[in-house]
Amino acid sequence: MITLGIDIGSLSTKSVLMENDEVMAFDVVLTGGTNRKAAETTIENVLAKSGVTRGDVKFVVSTGYGRENLPFADKHVSEITCHGIGMHLRNPDIRTILEIGGQDSKAIRIDDSGRVEQFAMNDKCAAGCGRFLEVTARAMGLGLGELGDVSARASNPLRISSTCAVFAETEIVSLVAVGTPIPDIVRAVHDSIAQRAVVLLRQVGISGAVGMSGGVALNSGVVRALESKLQTNLYIVDNPQVRGAIGAAYIAQRLV
């Protein structure tokens, strides 16, 4: 029994094939300007990786902000539900989840079966999300994957005072112009993202083990900043960017 989960995010689209509750293959592509095209691309990729055909797929669940744009999906499910299930499958001890994507952040509290008890989302400002990291990397001529290591070299962390991503970018450019050390600026950005995330987590109530999903979980600088502010270790799952798609594929297994 093979099912497919597709998570269409603002920056990337993910797909997961699952058979009998086990992940067969996954794929990640940039979303670009067309949700449907990105979905078609990642589906073809994941089918090629697994060696199965579309005819072998018995049920498709879509999630993410673009989930309603997939008419061939058998069911559309909230990404909050899918991330809750996806994280629970990886570590049943997790009760609190932070998911930071490209343009929004979510704090989710789940019960011992992975069902959502409470959630909170950011105010749709990119300053606390992956897009802000992209802007930061571009402003300083760094690769997105370099930010975590650069942040670790900070010696005099600053504070980014702007609460809007557009104004924050201007502030960052100004700091670079006056010769502020790059590691200090990057650390300040990570601290800013972490502070916003902590506010969300406290809204839902932090309990039990805390896990992090979404692409920003791959940024070690953000993880360090969060652990410092929360005074606890975060559980970072393998391939955190596909947890929503895994949850969608798992839900599909129960709907066939």
C-alpha atoms as a PDB file:
ATOM      1  CA  MET A   1       0.000   0.000   0.000  1.00  0.00           C
ATOM      2  CA  ILE A   2       1.841   3.082  -1.271  1.00  0.00           C
ATOM      3  CA  THR A   3       0.781   6.647  -0.456  1.00  0.00           C
ATOM      4  CA  LEU A   4       2.149  10.068  -1.329  1.00  0.00           C
ATOM      5  CA  GLY A   5       2.442  13.177   0.833  1.00  0.00           C
ATOM      6  CA  ILE A   6       3.143  16.556  -0.785  1.00  0.00           C
ATOM      7  CA  ASP A   7       4.015  19.663   1.219  1.00  0.00           C
ATOM      8  CA  ILE A   8       3.917  22.872  -0.835  1.00  0.00           C
ATOM      9  CA  GLY A   9       5.728  25.607   1.033  1.00  0.00           C
ATOM     10  CA  SER A  10       6.493  29.163   0.034  1.00  0.00           C
ATOM     11  CA  LEU A  11      10.158  28.379  -0.694  1.00  0.00           C
ATOM     12  CA  SER A  12      10.267  24.639  -1.299  1.00  0.00           C
ATOM     13  CA  THR A  13       7.956  21.783  -2.201  1.00  0.00           C
ATOM     14  CA  LYS A  14       8.517  18.379  -0.653  1.00  0.00           C
ATOM     15  CA  SER A  15       7.195  14.914  -1.504  1.00  0.00           C
ATOM     16  CA  VAL A  16       7.343  11.620   0.382  1.00  0.00           C
ATOM     17  CA  LEU A  17       6.384   8.138  -0.737  1.00  0.00           C
ATOM     18  CA  MET A  18       5.391   5.762   2.045  1.00  0.00           C
ATOM     19  CA  GLU A  19       4.644   2.056   2.018  1.00  0.00           C
ATOM     20  CA  ASN A  20       3.186   0.312   5.061  1.00  0.00           C
ATOM     21  CA  ASP A  21       4.152   3.271   7.293  1.00  0.00           C
ATOM     22  CA  GLU A  22       7.786   3.245   6.099  1.00  0.00           C
ATOM     23  CA  VAL A  23       9.297   6.060   4.026  1.00  0.00           C
ATOM     24  CA  MET A  24      10.379   4.765   0.620  1.00  0.00           C
ATOM     25  CA  ALA A  25      11.843   8.006  -0.763  1.00  0.00           C
ATOM     26  CA  PHE A  26      11.588  11.780  -0.464  1.00  0.00           C
ATOM     27  CA  ASP A  27      12.405  14.770  -2.630  1.00  0.00           C
ATOM     28  CA  VAL A  28      12.727  18.544  -2.242  1.00  0.00           C
ATOM     29  CA  VAL A  29      12.551  21.200  -4.976  1.00  0.00           C
ATOM     30  CA  LEU A  30      12.253  24.982  -4.984  1.00  0.00           C
ATOM     31  CA  THR A  31       8.630  26.068  -5.311  1.00  0.00           C
ATOM     32  CA  GLY A  32       9.312  28.962  -7.679  1.00  0.00           C
ATOM     33  CA  GLY A  33       6.366  30.774  -9.205  1.00  0.00           C
ATOM     34  CA  THR A  34       4.055  27.840  -9.900  1.00  0.00           C
ATOM     35  CA  ASN A  35       2.834  25.492  -7.174  1.00  0.00           C
ATOM     36  CA  ARG A  36       1.488  22.927  -9.598  1.00  0.00           C
ATOM     37  CA  LYS A  37       4.710  22.749 -11.613  1.00  0.00           C
ATOM     38  CA  ALA A  38       6.828  22.337  -8.471  1.00  0.00           C
ATOM     39  CA  ALA A  39       4.517  19.585  -7.245  1.00  0.00           C
ATOM     40  CA  GLU A  40       4.686  17.764 -10.583  1.00  0.00           C
ATOM     41  CA  THR A  41       8.482  18.015 -10.603  1.00  0.00           C
ATOM     42  CA  THR A  42       8.976  16.633  -7.107  1.00  0.00           C
ATOM     43  CA  ILE A  43       6.468  13.844  -7.723  1.00  0.00           C
ATOM     44  CA  GLU A  44       8.333  12.712 -10.818  1.00  0.00           C
ATOM     45  CA  ASN A  45      11.603  12.884  -8.872  1.00  0.00           C
ATOM     46  CA  VAL A  46      10.372  10.832  -5.929  1.00  0.00           C
ATOM     47  CA  LEU A  47       8.765   8.226  -8.182  1.00  0.00           C
ATOM     48  CA  ALA A  48      12.057   7.859 -10.066  1.00  0.00           C
ATOM     49  CA  LYS A  49      13.960   7.460  -6.790  1.00  0.00           C
ATOM     50  CA  SER A  50      11.640   4.714  -5.574  1.00  0.00           C
ATOM     51  CA  GLY A  51      11.111   2.925  -8.869  1.00  0.00           C
ATOM     52  CA  VAL A  52       7.305   2.994  -8.680  1.00  0.00           C
ATOM     53  CA  THR A  53       4.719   4.533 -11.001  1.00  0.00           C
ATOM     54  CA  ARG A  54       1.801   6.869 -10.373  1.00  0.00           C
ATOM     55  CA  GLY A  55      -0.510   3.939 -10.807  1.00  0.00           C
ATOM     56  CA  ASP A  56       1.076   2.294  -7.760  1.00  0.00           C
ATOM     57  CA  VAL A  57       0.120   5.258  -5.528  1.00  0.00           C
ATOM     58  CA  LYS A  58      -3.197   4.568  -3.813  1.00  0.00           C
ATOM     59  CA  PHE A  59      -3.838   7.881  -2.032  1.00  0.00           C
ATOM     60  CA  VAL A  60      -2.394  11.422  -2.125  1.00  0.00           C
ATOM     61  CA  VAL A  61      -2.546  13.965   0.711  1.00  0.00           C
ATOM     62  CA  SER A  62      -1.381  17.541   0.119  1.00  0.00           C
ATOM     63  CA  THR A  63      -0.398  20.014   2.814  1.00  0.00           C
ATOM     64  CA  GLY A  64       1.339  23.379   3.102  1.00  0.00           C
ATOM     65  CA  TYR A  65       0.165  26.811   2.049  1.00  0.00           C
ATOM     66  CA  GLY A  66      -0.349  25.694  -1.556  1.00  0.00           C
ATOM     67  CA  ARG A  67      -2.193  22.462  -0.777  1.00  0.00           C
ATOM     68  CA  GLU A  68      -5.506  23.602  -2.280  1.00  0.00           C
ATOM     69  CA  ASN A  69      -3.833  24.099  -5.671  1.00  0.00           C
ATOM     70  CA  LEU A  70      -3.396  20.376  -6.277  1.00  0.00           C
ATOM     71  CA  PRO A  71      -6.637  19.101  -7.808  1.00  0.00           C
ATOM     72  CA  PHE A  72      -5.267  15.566  -8.107  1.00  0.00           C
ATOM     73  CA  ALA A  73      -4.783  15.261  -4.334  1.00  0.00           C
ATOM     74  CA  ASP A  74      -7.362  13.004  -2.666  1.00  0.00           C
ATOM     75  CA  LYS A  75      -7.369  15.123   0.495  1.00  0.00           C
ATOM     76  CA  HIS A  76      -5.960  18.454   1.701  1.00  0.00           C
ATOM     77  CA  VAL A  77      -4.721  18.554   5.320  1.00  0.00           C
ATOM     78  CA  SER A  78      -3.352  21.461   7.402  1.00  0.00           C
ATOM     79  CA  GLU A  79       0.414  21.577   7.719  1.00  0.00           C
ATOM     80  CA  ILE A  80      -0.011  21.991  11.475  1.00  0.00           C
ATOM     81  CA  THR A  81      -1.634  18.566  11.678  1.00  0.00           C
ATOM     82  CA  CYS A  82       0.947  17.035   9.342  1.00  0.00           C
ATOM     83  CA  HIS A  83       3.961  18.403  11.219  1.00  0.00           C
ATOM     84  CA  GLY A  84       2.467  17.205  14.485  1.00  0.00           C
ATOM     85  CA  ILE A  85       2.138  13.654  13.145  1.00  0.00           C
ATOM     86  CA  GLY A  86       5.479  13.771  11.318  1.00  0.00           C
ATOM     87  CA  MET A  87       7.370  14.787  14.454  1.00  0.00           C
ATOM     88  CA  HIS A  88       5.500  12.307  16.653  1.00  0.00           C
ATOM     89  CA  LEU A  89       6.504   9.461  14.332  1.00  0.00           C
ATOM     90  CA  ARG A  90      10.169  10.392  14.725  1.00  0.00           C
ATOM     91  CA  ASN A  91      10.104  10.872  18.495  1.00  0.00           C
ATOM     92  CA  PRO A  92       6.957  10.042  20.511  1.00  0.00           C
ATOM     93  CA  ASP A  93       8.335  11.952  23.518  1.00  0.00           C
ATOM     94  CA  ILE A  94       7.982  15.297  21.740  1.00  0.00           C
ATOM     95  CA  ARG A  95       5.077  17.396  23.006  1.00  0.00           C
ATOM     96  CA  THR A  96       6.078  20.862  21.768  1.00  0.00           C
ATOM     97  CA  ILE A  97       7.076  21.623  18.174  1.00  0.00           C
ATOM     98  CA  LEU A  98       8.564  24.681  16.544  1.00  0.00           C
ATOM     99  CA  GLU A  99       8.261  24.730  12.764  1.00  0.00           C
ATOM    100  CA  ILE A 100       9.967  27.606  10.959  1.00  0.00           C
ATOM    101  CA  GLY A 101       9.410  27.754   7.221  1.00  0.00           C
ATOM    102  CA  GLY A 102      10.177  30.274   4.534  1.00  0.00           C
ATOM    103  CA  GLN A 103       7.527  32.858   5.374  1.00  0.00           C
ATOM    104  CA  ASP A 104       5.854  31.789   8.603  1.00  0.00           C
ATOM    105  CA  SER A 105       6.530  30.127  11.925  1.00  0.00           C
ATOM    106  CA  LYS A 106       4.328  27.848  13.984  1.00  0.00           C
ATOM    107  CA  ALA A 107       4.412  26.629  17.570  1.00  0.00           C
ATOM    108  CA  ILE A 108       2.450  23.418  18.083  1.00  0.00           C
ATOM    109  CA  ARG A 109       1.626  21.425  21.195  1.00  0.00           C
ATOM    110  CA  ILE A 110       0.615  17.798  20.672  1.00  0.00           C
ATOM    111  CA  ASP A 111      -0.648  14.993  22.884  1.00  0.00           C
ATOM    112  CA  ASP A 112       0.881  11.534  23.338  1.00  0.00           C
ATOM    113  CA  SER A 113      -0.655  10.312  20.072  1.00  0.00           C
ATOM    114  CA  GLY A 114       0.550  13.239  17.944  1.00  0.00           C
ATOM    115  CA  ARG A 115      -2.791  15.065  17.810  1.00  0.00           C
ATOM    116  CA  VAL A 116      -2.669  18.862  17.935  1.00  0.00           C
ATOM    117  CA  GLU A 117      -3.819  20.363  21.245  1.00  0.00           C
ATOM    118  CA  GLN A 118      -2.829  23.984  20.656  1.00  0.00           C
ATOM    119  CA  PHE A 119      -0.992  26.054  18.073  1.00  0.00           C
ATOM    120  CA  ALA A 120       0.072  29.608  17.324  1.00  0.00           C
ATOM    121  CA  MET A 121       1.420  31.251  14.165  1.00  0.00           C
ATOM    122  CA  ASN A 122       3.512  34.337  13.593  1.00  0.00           C
ATOM    123  CA  ASP A 123       2.099  37.592  12.283  1.00  0.00           C
ATOM    124  CA  LYS A 124       2.991  36.851   8.632  1.00  0.00           C
ATOM    125  CA  CYS A 125       6.181  38.881   8.855  1.00  0.00           C
ATOM    126  CA  ALA A 126       9.227  37.287   7.250  1.00  0.00           C
ATOM    127  CA  ALA A 127      11.550  38.723   9.939  1.00  0.00           C
ATOM    128  CA  GLY A 128      11.205  35.556  12.012  1.00  0.00           C
ATOM    129  CA  CYS A 129      11.443  33.054   9.168  1.00  0.00           C
ATOM    130  CA  GLY A 130      13.653  31.482   6.538  1.00  0.00           C
ATOM    131  CA  ARG A 131      13.181  34.370   4.140  1.00  0.00           C
ATOM    132  CA  PHE A 132      14.939  36.646   6.634  1.00  0.00           C
ATOM    133  CA  LEU A 133      17.926  34.298   6.625  1.00  0.00           C
ATOM    134  CA  GLU A 134      18.029  34.422   2.835  1.00  0.00           C
ATOM    135  CA  VAL A 135      17.968  38.215   2.927  1.00  0.00           C
ATOM    136  CA  THR A 136      20.751  38.231   5.536  1.00  0.00           C
ATOM    137  CA  ALA A 137      22.962  35.870   3.546  1.00  0.00           C
ATOM    138  CA  ARG A 138      22.484  37.892   0.351  1.00  0.00           C
ATOM    139  CA  ALA A 139      23.221  41.216   2.086  1.00  0.00           C
ATOM    140  CA  MET A 140      26.541  39.899   3.353  1.00  0.00           C
ATOM    141  CA  GLY A 141      27.570  37.840   0.361  1.00  0.00           C
ATOM    142  CA  LEU A 142      27.298  34.530   2.194  1.00  0.00           C
ATOM    143  CA  GLY A 143      25.726  31.226   1.279  1.00  0.00           C
ATOM    144  CA  LEU A 144      22.669  30.258   3.285  1.00  0.00           C
ATOM    145  CA  GLY A 145      24.446  27.167   4.568  1.00  0.00           C
ATOM    146  CA  GLU A 146      27.344  29.253   5.917  1.00  0.00           C
ATOM    147  CA  LEU A 147      25.325  31.285   8.409  1.00  0.00           C
ATOM    148  CA  GLY A 148      25.440  28.792  11.284  1.00  0.00           C
ATOM    149  CA  ASP A 149      29.236  28.492  11.295  1.00  0.00           C
ATOM    150  CA  VAL A 150      29.698  32.249  10.850  1.00  0.00           C
ATOM    151  CA  SER A 151      27.374  32.969  13.769  1.00  0.00           C
ATOM    152  CA  ALA A 152      29.437  30.720  16.048  1.00  0.00           C
ATOM    153  CA  ARG A 153      32.397  33.087  15.629  1.00  0.00           C
ATOM    154  CA  ALA A 154      30.560  36.119  17.051  1.00  0.00           C
ATOM    155  CA  SER A 155      32.395  37.930  19.838  1.00  0.00           C
ATOM    156  CA  ASN A 156      30.167  40.951  20.429  1.00  0.00           C
ATOM    157  CA  PRO A 157      26.566  40.102  19.506  1.00  0.00           C
ATOM    158  CA  LEU A 158      24.312  43.003  18.590  1.00  0.00           C
ATOM    159  CA  ARG A 159      20.576  43.497  18.630  1.00  0.00           C
ATOM    160  CA  ILE A 160      18.550  43.937  15.457  1.00  0.00           C
ATOM    161  CA  SER A 161      16.014  46.549  16.517  1.00  0.00           C
ATOM    162  CA  SER A 162      13.756  46.480  13.442  1.00  0.00           C
ATOM    163  CA  THR A 163      10.681  44.251  13.660  1.00  0.00           C
ATOM    164  CA  CYS A 164      10.054  44.255   9.891  1.00  0.00           C
ATOM    165  CA  ALA A 165      12.164  42.195   7.487  1.00  0.00           C
ATOM    166  CA  VAL A 166      12.427  45.092   5.013  1.00  0.00           C
ATOM    167  CA  PHE A 167      13.663  47.559   7.633  1.00  0.00           C
ATOM    168  CA  ALA A 168      15.876  44.893   9.209  1.00  0.00           C
ATOM    169  CA  GLU A 169      17.610  44.367   5.872  1.00  0.00           C
ATOM    170  CA  THR A 170      18.339  48.102   5.696  1.00  0.00           C
ATOM    171  CA  GLU A 171      19.701  47.933   9.241  1.00  0.00           C
ATOM    172  CA  ILE A 172      21.944  44.995   8.331  1.00  0.00           C
ATOM    173  CA  VAL A 173      23.287  46.780   5.246  1.00  0.00           C
ATOM    174  CA  SER A 174      24.079  49.820   7.402  1.00  0.00           C
ATOM    175  CA  LEU A 175      25.944  47.683   9.935  1.00  0.00           C
ATOM    176  CA  VAL A 176      28.005  46.123   7.152  1.00  0.00           C
ATOM    177  CA  ALA A 177      28.775  49.576   5.737  1.00  0.00           C
ATOM    178  CA  VAL A 178      30.278  50.823   9.004  1.00  0.00           C
ATOM    179  CA  GLY A 179      32.510  47.764   9.337  1.00  0.00           C
ATOM    180  CA  THR A 180      30.597  45.768  11.949  1.00  0.00           C
ATOM    181  CA  PRO A 181      32.022  42.222  12.067  1.00  0.00           C
ATOM    182  CA  ILE A 182      29.911  39.870   9.968  1.00  0.00           C
ATOM    183  CA  PRO A 183      29.699  37.136  12.656  1.00  0.00           C
ATOM    184  CA  ASP A 184      28.238  39.634  15.128  1.00  0.00           C
ATOM    185  CA  ILE A 185      25.541  40.660  12.645  1.00  0.00           C
ATOM    186  CA  VAL A 186      24.623  37.075  11.785  1.00  0.00           C
ATOM    187  CA  ARG A 187      24.404  36.190  15.484  1.00  0.00           C
ATOM    188  CA  ALA A 188      22.068  39.144  15.997  1.00  0.00           C
ATOM    189  CA  VAL A 189      19.799  37.893  13.202  1.00  0.00           C
ATOM    190  CA  HIS A 190      19.695  34.418  14.732  1.00  0.00           C
ATOM    191  CA  ASP A 191      18.895  35.872  18.147  1.00  0.00           C
ATOM    192  CA  SER A 192      16.091  37.950  16.617  1.00  0.00           C
ATOM    193  CA  ILE A 193      14.513  34.886  14.988  1.00  0.00           C
ATOM    194  CA  ALA A 194      14.875  32.886  18.204  1.00  0.00           C
ATOM    195  CA  GLN A 195      13.244  35.599  20.309  1.00  0.00           C
ATOM    196  CA  ARG A 196      10.174  35.667  18.041  1.00  0.00           C
ATOM    197  CA  ALA A 197       9.963  31.886  18.149  1.00  0.00           C
ATOM    198  CA  VAL A 198      10.110  31.793  21.949  1.00  0.00           C
ATOM    199  CA  VAL A 199       7.128  34.154  22.117  1.00  0.00           C
ATOM    200  CA  LEU A 200       5.126  31.731  19.938  1.00  0.00           C
ATOM    201  CA  LEU A 201       6.164  28.722  22.001  1.00  0.00           C
ATOM    202  CA  ARG A 202       5.089  30.389  25.219  1.00  0.00           C
ATOM    203  CA  GLN A 203       1.700  31.150  23.701  1.00  0.00           C
ATOM    204  CA  VAL A 204       0.958  27.445  23.288  1.00  0.00           C
ATOM    205  CA  GLY A 205       2.666  26.455  26.527  1.00  0.00           C
ATOM    206  CA  ILE A 206       5.971  24.596  26.470  1.00  0.00           C
ATOM    207  CA  SER A 207       5.694  21.059  27.801  1.00  0.00           C
ATOM    208  CA  GLY A 208       7.653  17.841  27.448  1.00  0.00           C
ATOM    209  CA  ALA A 209      10.412  17.415  24.897  1.00  0.00           C
ATOM    210  CA  VAL A 210      10.726  20.261  22.378  1.00  0.00           C
ATOM    211  CA  GLY A 211      11.401  19.411  18.731  1.00  0.00           C
ATOM    212  CA  MET A 212      12.064  21.555  15.697  1.00  0.00           C
ATOM    213  CA  SER A 213      11.025  20.904  12.104  1.00  0.00           C
ATOM    214  CA  GLY A 214      11.122  22.949   8.902  1.00  0.00           C
ATOM    215  CA  GLY A 215      14.128  24.016   6.865  1.00  0.00           C
ATOM    216  CA  VAL A 216      15.404  26.538   9.425  1.00  0.00           C
ATOM    217  CA  ALA A 217      16.103  23.623  11.796  1.00  0.00           C
ATOM    218  CA  LEU A 218      19.143  22.981   9.583  1.00  0.00           C
ATOM    219  CA  ASN A 219      20.629  26.327  10.680  1.00  0.00           C
ATOM    220  CA  SER A 220      22.844  25.590  13.690  1.00  0.00           C
ATOM    221  CA  GLY A 221      22.990  29.269  14.645  1.00  0.00           C
ATOM    222  CA  VAL A 222      19.225  29.532  15.082  1.00  0.00           C
ATOM    223  CA  VAL A 223      19.195  26.254  17.028  1.00  0.00           C
ATOM    224  CA  ARG A 224      21.910  27.479  19.387  1.00  0.00           C
ATOM    225  CA  ALA A 225      20.099  30.774  19.951  1.00  0.00           C
ATOM    226  CA  LEU A 226      16.845  28.957  20.719  1.00  0.00           C
ATOM    227  CA  GLU A 227      18.472  26.507  23.115  1.00  0.00           C
ATOM    228  CA  SER A 228      20.118  29.400  24.946  1.00  0.00           C
ATOM    229  CA  LYS A 229      16.858  31.306  25.352  1.00  0.00           C
ATOM    230  CA  LEU A 230      14.811  28.228  26.290  1.00  0.00           C
ATOM    231  CA  GLN A 231      17.530  26.737  28.494  1.00  0.00           C
ATOM    232  CA  THR A 232      16.859  23.306  27.046  1.00  0.00           C
ATOM    233  CA  ASN A 233      18.094  21.076  24.250  1.00  0.00           C
ATOM    234  CA  LEU A 234      16.012  20.928  21.084  1.00  0.00           C
ATOM    235  CA  TYR A 235      15.372  17.649  19.318  1.00  0.00           C
ATOM    236  CA  ILE A 236      16.316  18.190  15.679  1.00  0.00           C
ATOM    237  CA  VAL A 237      14.937  15.490  13.419  1.00  0.00           C
ATOM    238  CA  ASP A 238      16.664  14.072  10.368  1.00  0.00           C
ATOM    239  CA  ASN A 239      15.645  15.919   7.202  1.00  0.00           C
ATOM    240  CA  PRO A 240      13.438  18.354   9.158  1.00  0.00           C
ATOM    241  CA  GLN A 241      12.178  20.033   5.989  1.00  0.00           C
ATOM    242  CA  VAL A 242      10.183  16.932   4.971  1.00  0.00           C
ATOM    243  CA  ARG A 243       8.411  16.264   8.279  1.00  0.00           C
ATOM    244  CA  GLY A 244       5.180  17.803   6.993  1.00  0.00           C
ATOM    245  CA  ALA A 245       5.236  15.636   3.870  1.00  0.00           C
ATOM    246  CA  ILE A 246       5.936  12.555   6.004  1.00  0.00           C
ATOM    247  CA  GLY A 247       2.947  13.388   8.169  1.00  0.00           C
ATOM    248  CA  ALA A 248       0.806  13.812   5.043  1.00  0.00           C
ATOM    249  CA  ALA A 249       1.906  10.443   3.634  1.00  0.00           C
ATOM    250  CA  TYR A 250       1.212   8.769   6.991  1.00  0.00           C
ATOM    251  CA  ILE A 251      -2.287  10.258   7.142  1.00  0.00           C
ATOM    252  CA  ALA A 252      -2.837   9.007   3.594  1.00  0.00           C
ATOM    253  CA  GLN A 253      -1.953   5.487   4.773  1.00  0.00           C
ATOM    254  CA  ARG A 254      -4.967   5.636   7.088  1.00  0.00           C
ATOM    255  CA  LEU A 255      -7.343   6.957   4.440  1.00  0.00           C
ATOM    256  CA  VAL A 256      -6.799   4.365   1.724  1.00  0.00           C
END
